[in-house]
Amino acid sequence: MVYRRANLEHAAASAPNMMQNGLLIALLALLLLAPTLPSLSRLCTEFLVLYGLGVVLMFAG
């Protein structure tokens, strides 16, 4: 696969992409911990709702 318009190795290691990857890992970890820690269930739900709302607003505007 060849894409000549951009250096994809450089784009994959950019700071915004690394921050998105860290956020994704943190949210997935919250999903895995939520069933084991009932006190985190509400917190996890709120984070996921806010994240989903942010994604919707980002793509809508």
N, C-alpha and C. Protein backbone atom coordinates (compact mmCIF):
# COMPACT_ATOMS: atom_id res chain seq x y z
N MET A 1 0.85 -1.17 0.00
CA MET A 1 0.00 0.00 0.00
C MET A 1 0.90 1.23 0.00
N VAL A 2 0.65 2.12 -0.93
CA VAL A 2 1.46 3.32 -1.06
C VAL A 2 0.56 4.54 -1.06
N TYR A 3 0.89 5.50 -0.24
CA TYR A 3 0.17 6.77 -0.19
C TYR A 3 1.23 7.86 -0.26
N ARG A 4 1.36 8.50 -1.39
CA ARG A 4 2.50 9.39 -1.64
C ARG A 4 2.30 10.82 -1.14
N ARG A 5 1.10 11.20 -0.78
CA ARG A 5 0.85 12.59 -0.42
C ARG A 5 1.27 12.95 1.00
N ALA A 6 1.45 11.98 1.86
CA ALA A 6 1.81 12.28 3.25
C ALA A 6 2.73 11.20 3.79
N ASN A 7 3.55 11.59 4.71
CA ASN A 7 4.40 10.64 5.40
C ASN A 7 3.59 10.08 6.56
N LEU A 8 3.02 8.90 6.38
CA LEU A 8 2.11 8.35 7.38
C LEU A 8 2.83 7.96 8.66
N GLU A 9 4.09 7.63 8.59
CA GLU A 9 4.83 7.31 9.81
C GLU A 9 4.96 8.55 10.69
N HIS A 10 5.18 9.69 10.06
CA HIS A 10 5.28 10.93 10.82
C HIS A 10 3.91 11.34 11.36
N ALA A 11 2.87 11.18 10.56
CA ALA A 11 1.52 11.57 10.98
C ALA A 11 1.03 10.69 12.12
N ALA A 12 1.39 9.43 12.12
CA ALA A 12 0.94 8.52 13.17
C ALA A 12 1.57 8.86 14.52
N ALA A 13 2.74 9.47 14.51
CA ALA A 13 3.44 9.78 15.76
C ALA A 13 3.26 11.24 16.18
N SER A 14 2.30 11.94 15.60
CA SER A 14 2.10 13.34 15.97
C SER A 14 1.50 13.43 17.38
N ALA A 15 1.69 14.55 18.00
CA ALA A 15 1.21 14.74 19.38
C ALA A 15 -0.30 14.58 19.53
N PRO A 16 -1.12 15.15 18.64
CA PRO A 16 -2.57 14.96 18.79
C PRO A 16 -2.99 13.49 18.67
N ASN A 17 -2.36 12.76 17.77
CA ASN A 17 -2.70 11.35 17.63
C ASN A 17 -2.27 10.55 18.86
N MET A 18 -1.13 10.90 19.43
CA MET A 18 -0.69 10.20 20.64
C MET A 18 -1.63 10.49 21.81
N MET A 19 -2.14 11.72 21.90
CA MET A 19 -3.09 12.07 22.96
C MET A 19 -4.41 11.31 22.77
N GLN A 20 -4.86 11.20 21.53
CA GLN A 20 -6.08 10.44 21.26
C GLN A 20 -5.90 8.97 21.61
N ASN A 21 -4.73 8.43 21.32
CA ASN A 21 -4.45 7.03 21.66
C ASN A 21 -4.45 6.84 23.18
N GLY A 22 -3.85 7.78 23.90
CA GLY A 22 -3.84 7.69 25.36
C GLY A 22 -5.25 7.78 25.93
N LEU A 23 -6.07 8.66 25.38
CA LEU A 23 -7.46 8.79 25.83
C LEU A 23 -8.24 7.51 25.54
N LEU A 24 -8.03 6.94 24.37
CA LEU A 24 -8.71 5.70 24.02
C LEU A 24 -8.33 4.57 24.98
N ILE A 25 -7.06 4.46 25.31
CA ILE A 25 -6.60 3.42 26.24
C ILE A 25 -7.21 3.65 27.62
N ALA A 26 -7.26 4.90 28.07
CA ALA A 26 -7.85 5.20 29.37
C ALA A 26 -9.34 4.86 29.41
N LEU A 27 -10.07 5.20 28.35
CA LEU A 27 -11.50 4.89 28.31
C LEU A 27 -11.76 3.39 28.25
N LEU A 28 -10.94 2.68 27.52
CA LEU A 28 -11.10 1.22 27.47
C LEU A 28 -10.77 0.59 28.82
N ALA A 29 -9.79 1.15 29.52
CA ALA A 29 -9.47 0.64 30.86
C ALA A 29 -10.62 0.90 31.82
N LEU A 30 -11.26 2.07 31.69
CA LEU A 30 -12.43 2.35 32.53
C LEU A 30 -13.56 1.36 32.27
N LEU A 31 -13.75 1.01 31.02
CA LEU A 31 -14.79 0.03 30.69
C LEU A 31 -14.48 -1.33 31.30
N LEU A 32 -13.23 -1.69 31.34
CA LEU A 32 -12.86 -2.98 31.92
C LEU A 32 -12.96 -2.97 33.44
N LEU A 33 -12.71 -1.82 34.06
CA LEU A 33 -12.76 -1.73 35.51
C LEU A 33 -14.16 -1.48 36.07
N ALA A 34 -15.05 -0.96 35.26
CA ALA A 34 -16.39 -0.58 35.74
C ALA A 34 -17.15 -1.74 36.37
N PRO A 35 -17.17 -2.94 35.80
CA PRO A 35 -17.93 -4.03 36.46
C PRO A 35 -17.33 -4.48 37.78
N THR A 36 -16.04 -4.31 37.95
CA THR A 36 -15.39 -4.79 39.18
C THR A 36 -15.46 -3.78 40.32
N LEU A 37 -15.60 -2.52 40.00
CA LEU A 37 -15.65 -1.48 41.02
C LEU A 37 -16.95 -0.69 40.86
N PRO A 38 -17.97 -1.01 41.64
CA PRO A 38 -19.27 -0.35 41.48
C PRO A 38 -19.21 1.17 41.65
N SER A 39 -18.28 1.66 42.44
CA SER A 39 -18.20 3.10 42.64
C SER A 39 -17.73 3.81 41.38
N LEU A 40 -17.07 3.10 40.49
CA LEU A 40 -16.60 3.69 39.24
C LEU A 40 -17.64 3.63 38.13
N SER A 41 -18.69 2.87 38.31
CA SER A 41 -19.66 2.68 37.23
C SER A 41 -20.29 4.00 36.81
N ARG A 42 -20.72 4.81 37.78
CA ARG A 42 -21.35 6.09 37.43
C ARG A 42 -20.33 7.02 36.80
N LEU A 43 -19.13 7.04 37.33
CA LEU A 43 -18.07 7.88 36.79
C LEU A 43 -17.75 7.49 35.35
N CYS A 44 -17.66 6.20 35.10
CA CYS A 44 -17.38 5.70 33.75
C CYS A 44 -18.48 6.11 32.79
N THR A 45 -19.72 5.99 33.23
CA THR A 45 -20.85 6.36 32.39
C THR A 45 -20.80 7.84 32.04
N GLU A 46 -20.51 8.67 33.03
CA GLU A 46 -20.44 10.11 32.77
C GLU A 46 -19.31 10.45 31.81
N PHE A 47 -18.15 9.84 31.98
CA PHE A 47 -17.03 10.09 31.08
C PHE A 47 -17.36 9.67 29.65
N LEU A 48 -17.96 8.52 29.51
CA LEU A 48 -18.27 8.04 28.17
C LEU A 48 -19.34 8.89 27.49
N VAL A 49 -20.33 9.34 28.25
CA VAL A 49 -21.36 10.21 27.68
C VAL A 49 -20.74 11.54 27.25
N LEU A 50 -19.90 12.11 28.09
CA LEU A 50 -19.25 13.37 27.74
C LEU A 50 -18.31 13.21 26.55
N TYR A 51 -17.60 12.11 26.49
CA TYR A 51 -16.70 11.86 25.36
C TYR A 51 -17.51 11.70 24.08
N GLY A 52 -18.61 10.95 24.15
CA GLY A 52 -19.46 10.77 22.98
C GLY A 52 -20.06 12.08 22.51
N LEU A 53 -20.48 12.91 23.47
CA LEU A 53 -21.02 14.22 23.11
C LEU A 53 -19.95 15.10 22.46
N GLY A 54 -18.75 15.04 22.97
CA GLY A 54 -17.65 15.80 22.38
C GLY A 54 -17.34 15.36 20.96
N VAL A 55 -17.39 14.06 20.72
CA VAL A 55 -17.12 13.54 19.38
C VAL A 55 -18.21 13.99 18.42
N VAL A 56 -19.47 13.92 18.86
CA VAL A 56 -20.58 14.35 18.02
C VAL A 56 -20.46 15.83 17.70
N LEU A 57 -20.17 16.65 18.70
CA LEU A 57 -20.03 18.09 18.48
C LEU A 57 -18.84 18.41 17.58
N MET A 58 -17.77 17.64 17.71
CA MET A 58 -16.58 17.88 16.89
C MET A 58 -16.88 17.63 15.41
N PHE A 59 -17.61 16.56 15.11
CA PHE A 59 -17.90 16.25 13.72
C PHE A 59 -19.08 17.03 13.18
N ALA A 60 -19.93 17.57 14.04
CA ALA A 60 -21.07 18.35 13.58
C ALA A 60 -20.66 19.78 13.18
N GLY A 61 -19.62 20.29 13.82
CA GLY A 61 -19.25 21.69 13.57
C GLY A 61 -18.12 21.79 12.70
